Every structure is written in structure tokens, then in C-alpha cells.
Amino acid sequence: MTFPKISTTKIRAVVTALTGRIKTGTLDVRAVSETLTDIVGGRDADGAWDWRLAHDLVQIAAGRVAGVDYARGDATLSQLGALMERALLHKLGVVVQMGFVAQIS
């Protein structure tokens, strides 16, 4: 599987925006789509980004809100449990994939 080519600057901007949405309780599927479309500069239907990438970026944002630092490897089971609970509350069903998250963080 290949991911759309998006600059690190744009990836970080998306994660920052999604983190803010999680903190304010305004994250939903539409918000994810609008955020990626606005920051990346194109729609998923046009191949500018895909939902797999969106899912991974939501994971990173949720991890930031939960205070998990994947790059240092200090994610405890309780932190991951809190992360999963928050994701479920936002109806986005997060599955933590440590390798990709650590590379982007």
C-alpha cells in the first residue's frame, strides 16, 4: 500500500488541527475530510489523500491528546486504553499501529 505524497509540514498541520478538534469535541468524519481537503489542497476522491492516511493521522492526534509519546516508547496499557475510549466516543474506531505513528510523530 502506498500513501499519497504529502509534505511533512502539511502532515503536522493536519495533526495539529485534528488534535484541536478532539480537544473541543468537534471531531467527526466530516471534520476529518474537511481538514485534510483544506490543508492538503485536494479531495480524497481526486487522490490527494486517502482514508487510510486520515485514520492514521487521527490516531496520532488522539495519542497527543491522551499524552502518549510513541517516539519515546512510553505508551502504557492504561494510556492506550484511554486513547481507544476517546476514539470510540468520537465514532472513529482507532486501532493503534505503533510503527507508523512513531515515524510521523
PDB file of N, CA and C in Angstrom:
ATOM      1  N   MET A   1       0.849  -1.182   0.000  1.00  0.00           N
ATOM      2  CA  MET A   1       0.000   0.000   0.000  1.00  0.00           C
ATOM      3  C   MET A   1       0.887   1.235   0.000  1.00  0.00           C
ATOM      4  N   THR A   2       0.551   2.193  -0.808  1.00  0.00           N
ATOM      5  CA  THR A   2       1.293   3.443  -0.842  1.00  0.00           C
ATOM      6  C   THR A   2       0.405   4.568  -0.338  1.00  0.00           C
ATOM      7  N   PHE A   3       1.037   5.498   0.327  1.00  0.00           N
ATOM      8  CA  PHE A   3       0.318   6.663   0.827  1.00  0.00           C
ATOM      9  C   PHE A   3       0.499   7.817  -0.151  1.00  0.00           C
ATOM     10  N   PRO A   4      -0.479   8.701  -0.219  1.00  0.00           N
ATOM     11  CA  PRO A   4      -0.307   9.893  -1.052  1.00  0.00           C
ATOM     12  C   PRO A   4       0.918  10.675  -0.576  1.00  0.00           C
ATOM     13  N   LYS A   5       1.618  11.319  -1.480  1.00  0.00           N
ATOM     14  CA  LYS A   5       2.799  12.093  -1.112  1.00  0.00           C
ATOM     15  C   LYS A   5       2.351  13.470  -0.607  1.00  0.00           C
ATOM     16  N   ILE A   6       2.527  13.663   0.696  1.00  0.00           N
ATOM     17  CA  ILE A   6       2.139  14.913   1.343  1.00  0.00           C
ATOM     18  C   ILE A   6       3.328  15.370   2.174  1.00  0.00           C
ATOM     19  N   SER A   7       3.634  16.649   2.140  1.00  0.00           N
ATOM     20  CA  SER A   7       4.801  17.156   2.855  1.00  0.00           C
ATOM     21  C   SER A   7       4.640  16.974   4.370  1.00  0.00           C
ATOM     22  N   THR A   8       5.766  16.887   5.038  1.00  0.00           N
ATOM     23  CA  THR A   8       5.778  16.772   6.498  1.00  0.00           C
ATOM     24  C   THR A   8       5.097  17.978   7.130  1.00  0.00           C
ATOM     25  N   THR A   9       5.294  19.141   6.558  1.00  0.00           N
ATOM     26  CA  THR A   9       4.672  20.357   7.078  1.00  0.00           C
ATOM     27  C   THR A   9       3.145  20.240   7.055  1.00  0.00           C
ATOM     28  N   LYS A  10       2.612  19.730   5.967  1.00  0.00           N
ATOM     29  CA  LYS A  10       1.158  19.575   5.863  1.00  0.00           C
ATOM     30  C   LYS A  10       0.658  18.477   6.801  1.00  0.00           C
ATOM     31  N   ILE A  11       1.421  17.397   6.927  1.00  0.00           N
ATOM     32  CA  ILE A  11       1.037  16.320   7.849  1.00  0.00           C
ATOM     33  C   ILE A  11       0.943  16.871   9.261  1.00  0.00           C
ATOM     34  N   ARG A  12       1.939  17.626   9.675  1.00  0.00           N
ATOM     35  CA  ARG A  12       1.939  18.206  11.024  1.00  0.00           C
ATOM     36  C   ARG A  12       0.774  19.179  11.202  1.00  0.00           C
ATOM     37  N   ALA A  13       0.472  19.948  10.179  1.00  0.00           N
ATOM     38  CA  ALA A  13      -0.652  20.884  10.259  1.00  0.00           C
ATOM     39  C   ALA A  13      -1.974  20.139  10.416  1.00  0.00           C
ATOM     40  N   VAL A  14      -2.127  19.030   9.698  1.00  0.00           N
ATOM     41  CA  VAL A  14      -3.344  18.229   9.819  1.00  0.00           C
ATOM     42  C   VAL A  14      -3.459  17.663  11.228  1.00  0.00           C
ATOM     43  N   VAL A  15      -2.372  17.098  11.740  1.00  0.00           N
ATOM     44  CA  VAL A  15      -2.399  16.520  13.085  1.00  0.00           C
ATOM     45  C   VAL A  15      -2.731  17.589  14.128  1.00  0.00           C
ATOM     46  N   THR A  16      -2.153  18.762  13.985  1.00  0.00           N
ATOM     47  CA  THR A  16      -2.438  19.858  14.919  1.00  0.00           C
ATOM     48  C   THR A  16      -3.915  20.247  14.866  1.00  0.00           C
ATOM     49  N   ALA A  17      -4.452  20.355  13.668  1.00  0.00           N
ATOM     50  CA  ALA A  17      -5.870  20.708  13.519  1.00  0.00           C
ATOM     51  C   ALA A  17      -6.775  19.630  14.097  1.00  0.00           C
ATOM     52  N   LEU A  18      -6.450  18.359  13.828  1.00  0.00           N
ATOM     53  CA  LEU A  18      -7.268  17.262  14.358  1.00  0.00           C
ATOM     54  C   LEU A  18      -7.171  17.183  15.874  1.00  0.00           C
ATOM     55  N   THR A  19      -5.990  17.461  16.419  1.00  0.00           N
ATOM     56  CA  THR A  19      -5.821  17.483  17.877  1.00  0.00           C
ATOM     57  C   THR A  19      -6.744  18.518  18.493  1.00  0.00           C
ATOM     58  N   GLY A  20      -6.802  19.689  17.883  1.00  0.00           N
ATOM     59  CA  GLY A  20      -7.699  20.740  18.375  1.00  0.00           C
ATOM     60  C   GLY A  20      -9.155  20.312  18.319  1.00  0.00           C
ATOM     61  N   ARG A  21      -9.535  19.618  17.254  1.00  0.00           N
ATOM     62  CA  ARG A  21     -10.920  19.133  17.119  1.00  0.00           C
ATOM     63  C   ARG A  21     -11.252  18.108  18.205  1.00  0.00           C
ATOM     64  N   ILE A  22     -10.302  17.222  18.499  1.00  0.00           N
ATOM     65  CA  ILE A  22     -10.542  16.234  19.553  1.00  0.00           C
ATOM     66  C   ILE A  22     -10.718  16.932  20.890  1.00  0.00           C
ATOM     67  N   LYS A  23      -9.853  17.894  21.184  1.00  0.00           N
ATOM     68  CA  LYS A  23      -9.914  18.608  22.465  1.00  0.00           C
ATOM     69  C   LYS A  23     -11.223  19.352  22.640  1.00  0.00           C
ATOM     70  N   THR A  24     -11.795  19.848  21.549  1.00  0.00           N
ATOM     71  CA  THR A  24     -13.042  20.608  21.646  1.00  0.00           C
ATOM     72  C   THR A  24     -14.275  19.737  21.439  1.00  0.00           C
ATOM     73  N   GLY A  25     -14.055  18.455  21.173  1.00  0.00           N
ATOM     74  CA  GLY A  25     -15.182  17.541  20.980  1.00  0.00           C
ATOM     75  C   GLY A  25     -15.908  17.739  19.669  1.00  0.00           C
ATOM     76  N   THR A  26     -15.223  18.294  18.674  1.00  0.00           N
ATOM     77  CA  THR A  26     -15.864  18.580  17.387  1.00  0.00           C
ATOM     78  C   THR A  26     -15.323  17.710  16.250  1.00  0.00           C
ATOM     79  N   LEU A  27     -14.659  16.629  16.597  1.00  0.00           N
ATOM     80  CA  LEU A  27     -14.119  15.761  15.568  1.00  0.00           C
ATOM     81  C   LEU A  27     -15.156  14.749  15.113  1.00  0.00           C
ATOM     82  N   ASP A  28     -15.446  14.766  13.844  1.00  0.00           N
ATOM     83  CA  ASP A  28     -16.301  13.755  13.233  1.00  0.00           C
ATOM     84  C   ASP A  28     -15.780  13.508  11.824  1.00  0.00           C
ATOM     85  N   VAL A  29     -16.419  12.614  11.107  1.00  0.00           N
ATOM     86  CA  VAL A  29     -15.941  12.249   9.778  1.00  0.00           C
ATOM     87  C   VAL A  29     -15.878  13.463   8.853  1.00  0.00           C
ATOM     88  N   ARG A  30     -16.884  14.293   8.906  1.00  0.00           N
ATOM     89  CA  ARG A  30     -16.886  15.490   8.055  1.00  0.00           C
ATOM     90  C   ARG A  30     -15.711  16.408   8.393  1.00  0.00           C
ATOM     91  N   ALA A  31     -15.442  16.589   9.678  1.00  0.00           N
ATOM     92  CA  ALA A  31     -14.331  17.450  10.094  1.00  0.00           C
ATOM     93  C   ALA A  31     -12.992  16.894   9.613  1.00  0.00           C
ATOM     94  N   VAL A  32     -12.834  15.579   9.673  1.00  0.00           N
ATOM     95  CA  VAL A  32     -11.601  14.950   9.187  1.00  0.00           C
ATOM     96  C   VAL A  32     -11.451  15.217   7.688  1.00  0.00           C
ATOM     97  N   SER A  33     -12.508  14.995   6.935  1.00  0.00           N
ATOM     98  CA  SER A  33     -12.472  15.205   5.494  1.00  0.00           C
ATOM     99  C   SER A  33     -12.175  16.663   5.145  1.00  0.00           C
ATOM    100  N   GLU A  34     -12.859  17.572   5.800  1.00  0.00           N
ATOM    101  CA  GLU A  34     -12.658  18.998   5.520  1.00  0.00           C
ATOM    102  C   GLU A  34     -11.252  19.451   5.883  1.00  0.00           C
ATOM    103  N   THR A  35     -10.746  18.964   7.006  1.00  0.00           N
ATOM    104  CA  THR A  35      -9.402  19.339   7.445  1.00  0.00           C
ATOM    105  C   THR A  35      -8.359  18.879   6.439  1.00  0.00           C
ATOM    106  N   LEU A  36      -8.432  17.621   6.046  1.00  0.00           N
ATOM    107  CA  LEU A  36      -7.471  17.109   5.077  1.00  0.00           C
ATOM    108  C   LEU A  36      -7.601  17.811   3.732  1.00  0.00           C
ATOM    109  N   THR A  37      -8.813  18.013   3.270  1.00  0.00           N
ATOM    110  CA  THR A  37      -9.019  18.673   1.982  1.00  0.00           C
ATOM    111  C   THR A  37      -8.463  20.091   2.005  1.00  0.00           C
ATOM    112  N   ASP A  38      -8.737  20.831   3.084  1.00  0.00           N
ATOM    113  CA  ASP A  38      -8.260  22.215   3.184  1.00  0.00           C
ATOM    114  C   ASP A  38      -6.742  22.302   3.263  1.00  0.00           C
ATOM    115  N   ILE A  39      -6.143  21.484   4.121  1.00  0.00           N
ATOM    116  CA  ILE A  39      -4.702  21.600   4.346  1.00  0.00           C
ATOM    117  C   ILE A  39      -3.891  20.958   3.224  1.00  0.00           C
ATOM    118  N   VAL A  40      -4.313  19.805   2.758  1.00  0.00           N
ATOM    119  CA  VAL A  40      -3.581  19.114   1.693  1.00  0.00           C
ATOM    120  C   VAL A  40      -3.804  19.795   0.347  1.00  0.00           C
ATOM    121  N   GLY A  41      -4.973  20.388   0.179  1.00  0.00           N
ATOM    122  CA  GLY A  41      -5.248  21.106  -1.053  1.00  0.00           C
ATOM    123  C   GLY A  41      -5.911  20.259  -2.121  1.00  0.00           C
ATOM    124  N   GLY A  42      -6.606  19.227  -1.706  1.00  0.00           N
ATOM    125  CA  GLY A  42      -7.312  18.381  -2.655  1.00  0.00           C
ATOM    126  C   GLY A  42      -8.189  17.384  -1.933  1.00  0.00           C
ATOM    127  N   ARG A  43      -9.079  16.754  -2.693  1.00  0.00           N
ATOM    128  CA  ARG A  43     -10.046  15.820  -2.107  1.00  0.00           C
ATOM    129  C   ARG A  43      -9.540  14.379  -2.160  1.00  0.00           C
ATOM    130  N   ASP A  44     -10.118  13.568  -1.307  1.00  0.00           N
ATOM    131  CA  ASP A  44      -9.787  12.142  -1.336  1.00  0.00           C
ATOM    132  C   ASP A  44     -10.201  11.521  -2.666  1.00  0.00           C
ATOM    133  N   ALA A  45     -11.321  11.954  -3.205  1.00  0.00           N
ATOM    134  CA  ALA A  45     -11.812  11.410  -4.482  1.00  0.00           C
ATOM    135  C   ALA A  45     -10.846  11.684  -5.628  1.00  0.00           C
ATOM    136  N   ASP A  46     -10.042  12.717  -5.483  1.00  0.00           N
ATOM    137  CA  ASP A  46      -9.065  13.069  -6.518  1.00  0.00           C
ATOM    138  C   ASP A  46      -7.691  12.454  -6.259  1.00  0.00           C
ATOM    139  N   GLY A  47      -7.563  11.715  -5.158  1.00  0.00           N
ATOM    140  CA  GLY A  47      -6.299  11.069  -4.831  1.00  0.00           C
ATOM    141  C   GLY A  47      -5.311  11.915  -4.061  1.00  0.00           C
ATOM    142  N   ALA A  48      -5.732  13.089  -3.592  1.00  0.00           N
ATOM    143  CA  ALA A  48      -4.832  13.952  -2.833  1.00  0.00           C
ATOM    144  C   ALA A  48      -4.500  13.344  -1.467  1.00  0.00           C
ATOM    145  N   TRP A  49      -5.411  12.574  -0.926  1.00  0.00           N
ATOM    146  CA  TRP A  49      -5.232  11.853   0.335  1.00  0.00           C
ATOM    147  C   TRP A  49      -6.209  10.688   0.340  1.00  0.00           C
ATOM    148  N   ASP A  50      -6.036   9.776   1.274  1.00  0.00           N
ATOM    149  CA  ASP A  50      -6.971   8.653   1.365  1.00  0.00           C
ATOM    150  C   ASP A  50      -7.392   8.434   2.820  1.00  0.00           C
ATOM    151  N   TRP A  51      -8.418   7.634   2.998  1.00  0.00           N
ATOM    152  CA  TRP A  51      -8.977   7.438   4.336  1.00  0.00           C
ATOM    153  C   TRP A  51      -8.061   6.625   5.228  1.00  0.00           C
ATOM    154  N   ARG A  52      -7.193   5.836   4.646  1.00  0.00           N
ATOM    155  CA  ARG A  52      -6.201   5.116   5.455  1.00  0.00           C
ATOM    156  C   ARG A  52      -5.266   6.128   6.113  1.00  0.00           C
ATOM    157  N   LEU A  53      -4.796   7.099   5.347  1.00  0.00           N
ATOM    158  CA  LEU A  53      -3.951   8.152   5.885  1.00  0.00           C
ATOM    159  C   LEU A  53      -4.719   8.953   6.930  1.00  0.00           C
ATOM    160  N   ALA A  54      -5.962   9.293   6.627  1.00  0.00           N
ATOM    161  CA  ALA A  54      -6.783  10.058   7.575  1.00  0.00           C
ATOM    162  C   ALA A  54      -6.889   9.314   8.896  1.00  0.00           C
ATOM    163  N   HIS A  55      -7.115   8.025   8.825  1.00  0.00           N
ATOM    164  CA  HIS A  55      -7.229   7.191  10.016  1.00  0.00           C
ATOM    165  C   HIS A  55      -5.944   7.241  10.837  1.00  0.00           C
ATOM    166  N   ASP A  56      -4.810   7.119  10.185  1.00  0.00           N
ATOM    167  CA  ASP A  56      -3.528   7.160  10.878  1.00  0.00           C
ATOM    168  C   ASP A  56      -3.279   8.527  11.517  1.00  0.00           C
ATOM    169  N   LEU A  57      -3.657   9.589  10.837  1.00  0.00           N
ATOM    170  CA  LEU A  57      -3.453  10.931  11.389  1.00  0.00           C
ATOM    171  C   LEU A  57      -4.367  11.194  12.578  1.00  0.00           C
ATOM    172  N   VAL A  58      -5.572  10.651  12.546  1.00  0.00           N
ATOM    173  CA  VAL A  58      -6.465  10.759  13.709  1.00  0.00           C
ATOM    174  C   VAL A  58      -5.852  10.008  14.891  1.00  0.00           C
ATOM    175  N   GLN A  59      -5.234   8.875  14.634  1.00  0.00           N
ATOM    176  CA  GLN A  59      -4.566   8.118  15.695  1.00  0.00           C
ATOM    177  C   GLN A  59      -3.482   8.956  16.364  1.00  0.00           C
ATOM    178  N   ILE A  60      -2.682   9.607  15.556  1.00  0.00           N
ATOM    179  CA  ILE A  60      -1.606  10.428  16.096  1.00  0.00           C
ATOM    180  C   ILE A  60      -2.179  11.563  16.938  1.00  0.00           C
ATOM    181  N   ALA A  61      -3.205  12.226  16.418  1.00  0.00           N
ATOM    182  CA  ALA A  61      -3.836  13.329  17.152  1.00  0.00           C
ATOM    183  C   ALA A  61      -4.424  12.834  18.465  1.00  0.00           C
ATOM    184  N   ALA A  62      -5.099  11.697  18.432  1.00  0.00           N
ATOM    185  CA  ALA A  62      -5.687  11.144  19.660  1.00  0.00           C
ATOM    186  C   ALA A  62      -4.600  10.785  20.660  1.00  0.00           C
ATOM    187  N   GLY A  63      -3.486  10.267  20.173  1.00  0.00           N
ATOM    188  CA  GLY A  63      -2.367   9.957  21.057  1.00  0.00           C
ATOM    189  C   GLY A  63      -1.809  11.196  21.722  1.00  0.00           C
ATOM    190  N   ARG A  64      -1.744  12.290  20.988  1.00  0.00           N
ATOM    191  CA  ARG A  64      -1.277  13.556  21.579  1.00  0.00           C
ATOM    192  C   ARG A  64      -2.214  14.026  22.677  1.00  0.00           C
ATOM    193  N   VAL A  65      -3.501  13.921  22.431  1.00  0.00           N
ATOM    194  CA  VAL A  65      -4.481  14.342  23.439  1.00  0.00           C
ATOM    195  C   VAL A  65      -4.372  13.461  24.686  1.00  0.00           C
ATOM    196  N   ALA A  66      -4.125  12.174  24.481  1.00  0.00           N
ATOM    197  CA  ALA A  66      -4.004  11.239  25.601  1.00  0.00           C
ATOM    198  C   ALA A  66      -2.650  11.347  26.299  1.00  0.00           C
ATOM    199  N   GLY A  67      -1.727  12.118  25.739  1.00  0.00           N
ATOM    200  CA  GLY A  67      -0.423  12.298  26.358  1.00  0.00           C
ATOM    201  C   GLY A  67       0.546  11.162  26.084  1.00  0.00           C
ATOM    202  N   VAL A  68       0.315  10.401  25.027  1.00  0.00           N
ATOM    203  CA  VAL A  68       1.183   9.285  24.680  1.00  0.00           C
ATOM    204  C   VAL A  68       2.308   9.784  23.777  1.00  0.00           C
ATOM    205  N   ASP A  69       3.539   9.465  24.131  1.00  0.00           N
ATOM    206  CA  ASP A  69       4.691   9.808  23.302  1.00  0.00           C
ATOM    207  C   ASP A  69       5.217   8.524  22.690  1.00  0.00           C
ATOM    208  N   TYR A  70       4.718   8.183  21.505  1.00  0.00           N
ATOM    209  CA  TYR A  70       5.096   6.934  20.857  1.00  0.00           C
ATOM    210  C   TYR A  70       6.579   6.916  20.484  1.00  0.00           C
ATOM    211  N   ALA A  71       7.131   8.055  20.141  1.00  0.00           N
ATOM    212  CA  ALA A  71       8.526   8.114  19.725  1.00  0.00           C
ATOM    213  C   ALA A  71       9.457   7.666  20.848  1.00  0.00           C
ATOM    214  N   ARG A  72       9.087   7.941  22.102  1.00  0.00           N
ATOM    215  CA  ARG A  72       9.893   7.515  23.244  1.00  0.00           C
ATOM    216  C   ARG A  72       9.523   6.111  23.692  1.00  0.00           C
ATOM    217  N   GLY A  73       8.427   5.574  23.177  1.00  0.00           N
ATOM    218  CA  GLY A  73       8.020   4.227  23.550  1.00  0.00           C
ATOM    219  C   GLY A  73       7.428   4.124  24.939  1.00  0.00           C
ATOM    220  N   ASP A  74       6.831   5.211  25.446  1.00  0.00           N
ATOM    221  CA  ASP A  74       6.315   5.176  26.816  1.00  0.00           C
ATOM    222  C   ASP A  74       4.802   4.969  26.897  1.00  0.00           C
ATOM    223  N   ALA A  75       4.210   4.424  25.868  1.00  0.00           N
ATOM    224  CA  ALA A  75       2.773   4.166  25.872  1.00  0.00           C
ATOM    225  C   ALA A  75       2.471   2.989  26.799  1.00  0.00           C
ATOM    226  N   THR A  76       1.721   3.260  27.864  1.00  0.00           N
ATOM    227  CA  THR A  76       1.328   2.189  28.774  1.00  0.00           C
ATOM    228  C   THR A  76      -0.031   1.654  28.350  1.00  0.00           C
ATOM    229  N   LEU A  77      -0.394   0.507  28.877  1.00  0.00           N
ATOM    230  CA  LEU A  77      -1.698  -0.059  28.543  1.00  0.00           C
ATOM    231  C   LEU A  77      -2.830   0.862  28.972  1.00  0.00           C
ATOM    232  N   SER A  78      -2.689   1.528  30.106  1.00  0.00           N
ATOM    233  CA  SER A  78      -3.759   2.426  30.542  1.00  0.00           C
ATOM    234  C   SER A  78      -3.873   3.629  29.602  1.00  0.00           C
ATOM    235  N   GLN A  79      -2.739   4.134  29.115  1.00  0.00           N
ATOM    236  CA  GLN A  79      -2.783   5.241  28.164  1.00  0.00           C
ATOM    237  C   GLN A  79      -3.428   4.795  26.859  1.00  0.00           C
ATOM    238  N   LEU A  80      -3.068   3.612  26.397  1.00  0.00           N
ATOM    239  CA  LEU A  80      -3.656   3.107  25.166  1.00  0.00           C
ATOM    240  C   LEU A  80      -5.146   2.838  25.352  1.00  0.00           C
ATOM    241  N   GLY A  81      -5.549   2.374  26.541  1.00  0.00           N
ATOM    242  CA  GLY A  81      -6.969   2.172  26.831  1.00  0.00           C
ATOM    243  C   GLY A  81      -7.733   3.483  26.784  1.00  0.00           C
ATOM    244  N   ALA A  82      -7.140   4.529  27.371  1.00  0.00           N
ATOM    245  CA  ALA A  82      -7.768   5.851  27.339  1.00  0.00           C
ATOM    246  C   ALA A  82      -7.876   6.357  25.907  1.00  0.00           C
ATOM    247  N   LEU A  83      -6.847   6.117  25.128  1.00  0.00           N
ATOM    248  CA  LEU A  83      -6.849   6.516  23.722  1.00  0.00           C
ATOM    249  C   LEU A  83      -7.978   5.813  22.967  1.00  0.00           C
ATOM    250  N   MET A  84      -8.117   4.526  23.170  1.00  0.00           N
ATOM    251  CA  MET A  84      -9.173   3.767  22.495  1.00  0.00           C
ATOM    252  C   MET A  84     -10.558   4.258  22.901  1.00  0.00           C
ATOM    253  N   GLU A  85     -10.727   4.525  24.172  1.00  0.00           N
ATOM    254  CA  GLU A  85     -12.027   5.002  24.652  1.00  0.00           C
ATOM    255  C   GLU A  85     -12.386   6.335  24.010  1.00  0.00           C
ATOM    256  N   ARG A  86     -11.442   7.255  23.966  1.00  0.00           N
ATOM    257  CA  ARG A  86     -11.705   8.559  23.342  1.00  0.00           C
ATOM    258  C   ARG A  86     -12.047   8.405  21.865  1.00  0.00           C
ATOM    259  N   ALA A  87     -11.327   7.538  21.202  1.00  0.00           N
ATOM    260  CA  ALA A  87     -11.587   7.325  19.773  1.00  0.00           C
ATOM    261  C   ALA A  87     -12.983   6.761  19.549  1.00  0.00           C
ATOM    262  N   LEU A  88     -13.374   5.818  20.374  1.00  0.00           N
ATOM    263  CA  LEU A  88     -14.709   5.242  20.234  1.00  0.00           C
ATOM    264  C   LEU A  88     -15.790   6.277  20.498  1.00  0.00           C
ATOM    265  N   LEU A  89     -15.549   7.129  21.465  1.00  0.00           N
ATOM    266  CA  LEU A  89     -16.512   8.187  21.750  1.00  0.00           C
ATOM    267  C   LEU A  89     -16.696   9.113  20.557  1.00  0.00           C
ATOM    268  N   HIS A  90     -15.663   9.251  19.766  1.00  0.00           N
ATOM    269  CA  HIS A  90     -15.746  10.103  18.581  1.00  0.00           C
ATOM    270  C   HIS A  90     -16.146   9.316  17.338  1.00  0.00           C
ATOM    271  N   LYS A  91     -16.494   8.046  17.530  1.00  0.00           N
ATOM    272  CA  LYS A  91     -17.003   7.190  16.457  1.00  0.00           C
ATOM    273  C   LYS A  91     -16.042   7.026  15.296  1.00  0.00           C
ATOM    274  N   LEU A  92     -14.758   6.989  15.611  1.00  0.00           N
ATOM    275  CA  LEU A  92     -13.781   6.825  14.544  1.00  0.00           C
ATOM    276  C   LEU A  92     -13.022   5.508  14.643  1.00  0.00           C
ATOM    277  N   GLY A  93     -13.272   4.702  15.682  1.00  0.00           N
ATOM    278  CA  GLY A  93     -12.681   3.376  15.811  1.00  0.00           C
ATOM    279  C   GLY A  93     -11.189   3.306  15.561  1.00  0.00           C
ATOM    280  N   VAL A  94     -10.405   3.829  16.462  1.00  0.00           N
ATOM    281  CA  VAL A  94      -8.958   3.847  16.288  1.00  0.00           C
ATOM    282  C   VAL A  94      -8.346   2.490  16.642  1.00  0.00           C
ATOM    283  N   VAL A  95      -7.440   2.035  15.804  1.00  0.00           N
ATOM    284  CA  VAL A  95      -6.614   0.873  16.089  1.00  0.00           C
ATOM    285  C   VAL A  95      -5.171   1.368  16.073  1.00  0.00           C
ATOM    286  N   VAL A  96      -4.480   1.229  17.174  1.00  0.00           N
ATOM    287  CA  VAL A  96      -3.130   1.770  17.284  1.00  0.00           C
ATOM    288  C   VAL A  96      -2.152   0.929  16.465  1.00  0.00           C
ATOM    289  N   GLN A  97      -1.405   1.607  15.625  1.00  0.00           N
ATOM    290  CA  GLN A  97      -0.375   0.963  14.823  1.00  0.00           C
ATOM    291  C   GLN A  97       0.921   1.691  15.105  1.00  0.00           C
ATOM    292  N   MET A  98       1.644   1.182  16.050  1.00  0.00           N
ATOM    293  CA  MET A  98       2.787   1.880  16.630  1.00  0.00           C
ATOM    294  C   MET A  98       3.843   2.272  15.601  1.00  0.00           C
ATOM    295  N   GLY A  99       4.187   1.435  14.664  1.00  0.00           N
ATOM    296  CA  GLY A  99       5.257   1.744  13.723  1.00  0.00           C
ATOM    297  C   GLY A  99       5.005   3.007  12.944  1.00  0.00           C
ATOM    298  N   PHE A 100       3.835   3.135  12.333  1.00  0.00           N
ATOM    299  CA  PHE A 100       3.546   4.318  11.523  1.00  0.00           C
ATOM    300  C   PHE A 100       3.448   5.553  12.387  1.00  0.00           C
ATOM    301  N   VAL A 101       2.822   5.434  13.561  1.00  0.00           N
ATOM    302  CA  VAL A 101       2.671   6.580  14.455  1.00  0.00           C
ATOM    303  C   VAL A 101       4.031   7.098  14.881  1.00  0.00           C
ATOM    304  N   ALA A 102       4.951   6.217  15.218  1.00  0.00           N
ATOM    305  CA  ALA A 102       6.272   6.632  15.666  1.00  0.00           C
ATOM    306  C   ALA A 102       7.031   7.364  14.553  1.00  0.00           C
ATOM    307  N   GLN A 103       6.822   6.959  13.302  1.00  0.00           N
ATOM    308  CA  GLN A 103       7.528   7.584  12.187  1.00  0.00           C
ATOM    309  C   GLN A 103       7.038   9.014  11.943  1.00  0.00           C
ATOM    310  N   ILE A 104       5.757   9.287  12.163  1.00  0.00           N
ATOM    311  CA  ILE A 104       5.197  10.600  11.865  1.00  0.00           C
ATOM    312  C   ILE A 104       5.351  11.564  13.038  1.00  0.00           C
ATOM    313  N   SER A 105       5.289  11.058  14.254  1.00  0.00           N
ATOM    314  CA  SER A 105       5.318  11.920  15.455  1.00  0.00           C
ATOM    315  C   SER A 105       6.536  12.785  15.502  1.00  0.00           C
TER     316      SER A 105
END
